[in-house]
Amino acid sequence: MRLTLDEYSKHFKMSKEMINSKLRAKKLNYIIEDGITYIIVTRSSLEPQKREEIHKEKKQTIQSQKEETQKKNEERKMPQKPKTTVAMVLSLYQKENQHLKEKIVQLEAKIDKLIDDKEQMLRDEMNKIEQVYSQKDEQLKNILELMNTQLLTQKSQTIHDVETVSADVAIKKEKNKKEDEIVELKEYLKTLDLEPYQRKIIKKRFLAVYDKDVRVIKQNGKLYLNFSKYDYSDLLEY
């Protein structure tokens, strides 16, 4: 009986290094077939149980080899898939390209239809807006004509008298206008018919009381008067 190195190592519980060492020392009989080393073992040197185990393993190995060979033979008999050629690839690409072209044409037709529908909607909307504005313009025109007629009627019935305003009245109005505003003291004194020394006296009078009298306003180093709120007759006397 001959055993491979793996079989011998398994059954005799010996490492492969130990087996190779014994082979080199020629303590084991062996032969080499097809590059595989087989160790020769006599049946008498094996226990009955080990002989039975080795026999079963040999049978299993042979059975496995037969099944593997049968499987390979069946695979050889099976029809092989056709090899993909360049012509087949080109044909597939051409079909796919044609399909894509048809899809593009369909999409372009849908896009054109959507654009036409949108433009028609815009035209309809513009027509509606123009009609509304046209109606509004007509209504506005009628209202303006009516108002113009009423104004002409009122103008024909009303007499306007133009009065000549005297110079004194104009001066009083200008003075009242100034008194209704906040004015700088220096500028206001210039408008009065006063002598320079009189203006200085009035200005000193305001400077003496500006921090005590709420009527006198000081901003940026200048004094201001608010005639719309206060009376300054007592300070403007001269």
Protein backbone atom coordinates (compact mmCIF):
# COMPACT_ATOMS: atom_id res chain seq x y z
CA MET A 1 0.00 0.00 0.00
CA ARG A 2 1.30 3.46 -0.85
CA LEU A 3 0.38 6.71 0.88
CA THR A 4 0.99 10.31 0.00
CA LEU A 5 2.85 12.56 2.44
CA ASP A 6 -0.47 14.11 3.65
CA GLU A 7 -2.05 10.67 4.16
CA TYR A 8 1.02 9.32 5.97
CA SER A 9 1.18 12.42 8.19
CA LYS A 10 -2.49 12.12 9.07
CA HIS A 11 -2.62 8.44 9.87
CA PHE A 12 0.68 8.20 11.68
CA LYS A 13 0.35 11.61 13.34
CA MET A 14 3.74 12.71 12.16
CA SER A 15 4.76 16.15 10.90
CA LYS A 16 5.80 16.58 7.29
CA GLU A 17 9.23 17.80 8.40
CA MET A 18 9.75 14.54 10.30
CA ILE A 19 8.61 12.49 7.32
CA ASN A 20 10.93 14.34 4.93
CA SER A 21 13.79 13.82 7.38
CA LYS A 22 13.16 10.04 7.42
CA LEU A 23 12.90 10.00 3.65
CA ARG A 24 16.28 11.70 3.35
CA ALA A 25 17.72 9.18 5.85
CA LYS A 26 16.12 6.41 3.78
CA LYS A 27 14.29 5.07 6.79
CA LEU A 28 11.08 4.86 4.74
CA ASN A 29 10.47 3.15 1.45
CA TYR A 30 9.05 5.46 -1.18
CA ILE A 31 8.57 5.92 -4.89
CA ILE A 32 8.03 9.03 -7.05
CA GLU A 33 5.40 9.03 -9.81
CA ASP A 34 4.51 12.08 -11.89
CA GLY A 35 6.36 14.26 -9.43
CA ILE A 36 4.35 12.91 -6.43
CA THR A 37 6.11 11.07 -3.61
CA TYR A 38 4.38 7.91 -2.34
CA ILE A 39 5.49 6.12 0.83
CA ILE A 40 5.31 2.32 0.68
CA VAL A 41 3.59 0.81 3.71
CA THR A 42 3.05 -2.92 4.24
CA ARG A 43 -0.40 -3.98 5.32
CA SER A 44 1.06 -5.99 8.20
CA SER A 45 2.53 -2.81 9.68
CA LEU A 46 -0.90 -1.17 9.87
CA GLU A 47 -3.54 -1.87 12.44
CA PRO A 48 -6.83 -3.20 11.11
CA GLN A 49 -8.63 0.00 12.01
CA LYS A 50 -6.08 2.16 10.22
CA ARG A 51 -6.17 -0.11 7.20
CA GLU A 52 -9.94 0.33 7.10
CA GLU A 53 -9.67 4.11 7.40
CA ILE A 54 -7.07 4.29 4.65
CA HIS A 55 -9.17 2.08 2.45
CA LYS A 56 -12.25 4.28 2.95
CA GLU A 57 -10.27 7.42 2.23
CA LYS A 58 -8.85 5.87 -0.93
CA LYS A 59 -12.36 5.00 -2.08
CA GLN A 60 -13.60 8.53 -1.30
CA THR A 61 -10.67 10.05 -3.16
CA ILE A 62 -11.28 7.85 -6.19
CA GLN A 63 -15.01 8.69 -6.07
CA SER A 64 -14.27 12.41 -5.84
CA GLN A 65 -11.90 12.15 -8.80
CA LYS A 66 -14.56 10.33 -10.81
CA GLU A 67 -17.20 12.95 -9.97
CA GLU A 68 -14.80 15.76 -10.88
CA THR A 69 -13.98 14.07 -14.18
CA GLN A 70 -17.67 13.53 -14.92
CA LYS A 71 -18.46 17.13 -14.13
CA LYS A 72 -15.73 18.35 -16.48
CA ASN A 73 -17.01 16.07 -19.23
CA GLU A 74 -20.55 17.40 -18.79
CA GLU A 75 -19.28 20.96 -18.94
CA ARG A 76 -17.48 20.14 -22.18
CA LYS A 77 -20.69 18.69 -23.62
CA MET A 78 -22.79 21.73 -22.65
CA PRO A 79 -23.32 24.19 -25.50
CA GLN A 80 -20.93 27.10 -25.10
CA LYS A 81 -22.15 30.65 -25.20
CA PRO A 82 -21.40 32.41 -28.45
CA LYS A 83 -18.34 34.60 -28.23
CA THR A 84 -18.91 38.31 -28.42
CA THR A 85 -17.48 39.74 -31.58
CA VAL A 86 -16.78 43.28 -32.70
CA ALA A 87 -19.62 43.04 -35.21
CA MET A 88 -22.05 42.04 -32.45
CA VAL A 89 -20.93 44.99 -30.28
CA LEU A 90 -21.29 47.41 -33.19
CA SER A 91 -24.74 46.06 -34.00
CA LEU A 92 -25.80 46.48 -30.36
CA TYR A 93 -24.51 50.06 -30.29
CA GLN A 94 -26.31 50.86 -33.54
CA LYS A 95 -29.61 49.55 -32.18
CA GLU A 96 -29.16 51.52 -28.96
CA ASN A 97 -28.22 54.63 -30.91
CA GLN A 98 -31.31 54.33 -33.09
CA HIS A 99 -33.48 53.89 -30.00
CA LEU A 100 -31.99 57.03 -28.44
CA LYS A 101 -32.56 59.02 -31.65
CA GLU A 102 -36.23 58.04 -31.64
CA LYS A 103 -36.52 59.08 -27.99
CA ILE A 104 -34.90 62.45 -28.78
CA VAL A 105 -37.32 63.06 -31.64
CA GLN A 106 -40.28 62.28 -29.36
CA LEU A 107 -38.96 64.59 -26.64
CA GLU A 108 -38.37 67.42 -29.12
CA ALA A 109 -41.94 67.06 -30.39
CA LYS A 110 -43.27 67.24 -26.82
CA ILE A 111 -41.13 70.31 -26.09
CA ASP A 112 -42.36 72.07 -29.25
CA LYS A 113 -45.97 71.35 -28.27
CA LEU A 114 -45.42 72.69 -24.75
CA ILE A 115 -43.83 75.88 -26.15
CA ASP A 116 -46.74 76.39 -28.57
CA ASP A 117 -49.27 75.88 -25.77
CA LYS A 118 -47.39 78.34 -23.52
CA GLU A 119 -47.24 80.98 -26.24
CA GLN A 120 -50.95 80.58 -26.93
CA MET A 121 -51.70 81.00 -23.22
CA LEU A 122 -49.58 84.17 -23.13
CA ARG A 123 -51.36 85.57 -26.20
CA ASP A 124 -54.77 84.87 -24.64
CA GLU A 125 -53.68 86.51 -21.38
CA MET A 126 -52.37 89.58 -23.22
CA ASN A 127 -55.66 89.93 -25.09
CA LYS A 128 -57.57 89.80 -21.80
CA ILE A 129 -55.29 92.44 -20.23
CA GLU A 130 -55.65 94.71 -23.28
CA GLN A 131 -59.43 94.40 -23.11
CA VAL A 132 -59.44 95.29 -19.41
CA TYR A 133 -57.17 98.32 -19.94
CA SER A 134 -59.24 99.42 -22.89
CA GLN A 135 -62.39 99.35 -20.77
CA LYS A 136 -60.59 101.22 -17.93
CA ASP A 137 -59.32 103.86 -20.37
CA GLU A 138 -62.81 104.41 -21.70
CA GLN A 139 -64.20 104.77 -18.16
CA LEU A 140 -61.39 107.18 -17.20
CA LYS A 141 -62.01 109.23 -20.33
CA ASN A 142 -65.71 109.55 -19.50
CA ILE A 143 -64.90 110.59 -15.91
CA LEU A 144 -62.43 113.25 -17.08
CA GLU A 145 -64.91 114.64 -19.59
CA LEU A 146 -67.57 114.83 -16.88
CA MET A 147 -65.19 116.61 -14.45
CA ASN A 148 -64.09 119.03 -17.16
CA THR A 149 -67.72 119.86 -17.91
CA GLN A 150 -68.46 120.50 -14.23
CA LEU A 151 -65.37 122.72 -13.85
CA LEU A 152 -66.32 124.78 -16.88
CA THR A 153 -69.83 125.19 -15.47
CA GLN A 154 -68.52 126.28 -12.07
CA LYS A 155 -66.01 128.66 -13.69
CA SER A 156 -68.71 130.33 -15.72
CA GLN A 157 -70.82 130.85 -12.57
CA THR A 158 -67.98 132.11 -10.29
CA ILE A 159 -66.58 135.68 -10.35
CA HIS A 160 -63.04 136.08 -9.20
CA ASP A 161 -62.03 139.48 -7.81
CA VAL A 162 -58.40 140.35 -7.83
CA GLU A 163 -57.40 142.60 -4.95
CA THR A 164 -54.25 144.61 -4.82
CA VAL A 165 -52.25 143.97 -1.71
CA SER A 166 -50.58 147.01 -0.23
CA ALA A 167 -46.91 147.10 0.69
CA ASP A 168 -47.74 147.40 4.41
CA VAL A 169 -49.88 144.27 4.39
CA ALA A 170 -47.11 142.36 2.61
CA ILE A 171 -44.57 143.46 5.22
CA LYS A 172 -46.92 142.37 8.05
CA LYS A 173 -47.45 138.99 6.44
CA GLU A 174 -43.69 138.51 6.05
CA LYS A 175 -43.18 139.46 9.69
CA ASN A 176 -45.91 137.06 10.85
CA LYS A 177 -44.36 134.32 8.72
CA LYS A 178 -41.00 134.86 10.38
CA GLU A 179 -42.56 134.87 13.80
CA ASP A 180 -44.08 131.46 13.12
CA GLU A 181 -40.64 129.97 12.57
CA ILE A 182 -37.49 129.40 14.66
CA VAL A 183 -35.09 132.19 13.65
CA GLU A 184 -31.59 133.16 14.69
CA LEU A 185 -31.51 136.23 16.97
CA LYS A 186 -28.81 138.00 14.95
CA GLU A 187 -30.69 137.56 11.66
CA TYR A 188 -33.97 138.62 13.24
CA LEU A 189 -32.42 141.82 14.67
CA LYS A 190 -31.22 142.73 11.19
CA THR A 191 -34.82 142.80 9.99
CA LEU A 192 -35.77 145.33 12.66
CA ASP A 193 -35.31 149.10 12.23
CA LEU A 194 -32.69 149.46 14.94
CA GLU A 195 -29.42 151.19 15.47
CA PRO A 196 -26.30 149.03 15.89
CA TYR A 197 -25.90 149.94 19.55
CA GLN A 198 -29.55 148.98 20.18
CA ARG A 199 -28.97 145.56 18.62
CA LYS A 200 -25.95 145.05 20.88
CA ILE A 201 -28.02 145.90 23.98
CA ILE A 202 -30.75 143.40 23.02
CA LYS A 203 -28.19 140.72 22.21
CA LYS A 204 -26.46 141.18 25.62
CA ARG A 205 -29.87 140.95 27.29
CA PHE A 206 -30.48 137.55 25.61
CA LEU A 207 -26.97 136.30 26.47
CA ALA A 208 -27.51 137.17 30.13
CA VAL A 209 -30.62 135.00 30.46
CA TYR A 210 -30.24 132.22 27.81
CA ASP A 211 -29.17 129.60 30.39
CA LYS A 212 -32.09 130.54 32.70
CA ASP A 213 -34.88 131.39 30.26
CA VAL A 214 -36.34 128.40 28.38
CA ARG A 215 -37.55 130.73 25.65
CA VAL A 216 -33.99 131.31 24.46
CA ILE A 217 -32.55 128.42 22.42
CA LYS A 218 -28.80 128.05 21.93
CA GLN A 219 -27.43 125.79 19.20
CA ASN A 220 -23.84 125.66 17.92
CA GLY A 221 -22.98 128.89 19.75
CA LYS A 222 -25.93 130.81 18.23
CA LEU A 223 -29.16 132.05 19.85
CA TYR A 224 -32.53 131.20 18.29
CA LEU A 225 -36.09 132.44 18.91
CA ASN A 226 -39.32 130.43 18.49
CA PHE A 227 -42.13 132.98 17.95
CA SER A 228 -44.69 130.22 17.39
CA LYS A 229 -44.36 129.20 21.07
CA TYR A 230 -43.01 132.15 23.08
CA ASP A 231 -43.40 135.90 23.49
CA TYR A 232 -40.10 137.88 23.50
CA SER A 233 -41.54 141.43 23.82
CA ASP A 234 -39.89 141.96 27.24
CA LEU A 235 -36.43 141.06 25.87
CA LEU A 236 -36.82 142.96 22.59
CA GLU A 237 -37.63 146.32 24.20
CA TYR A 238 -35.31 149.23 23.33
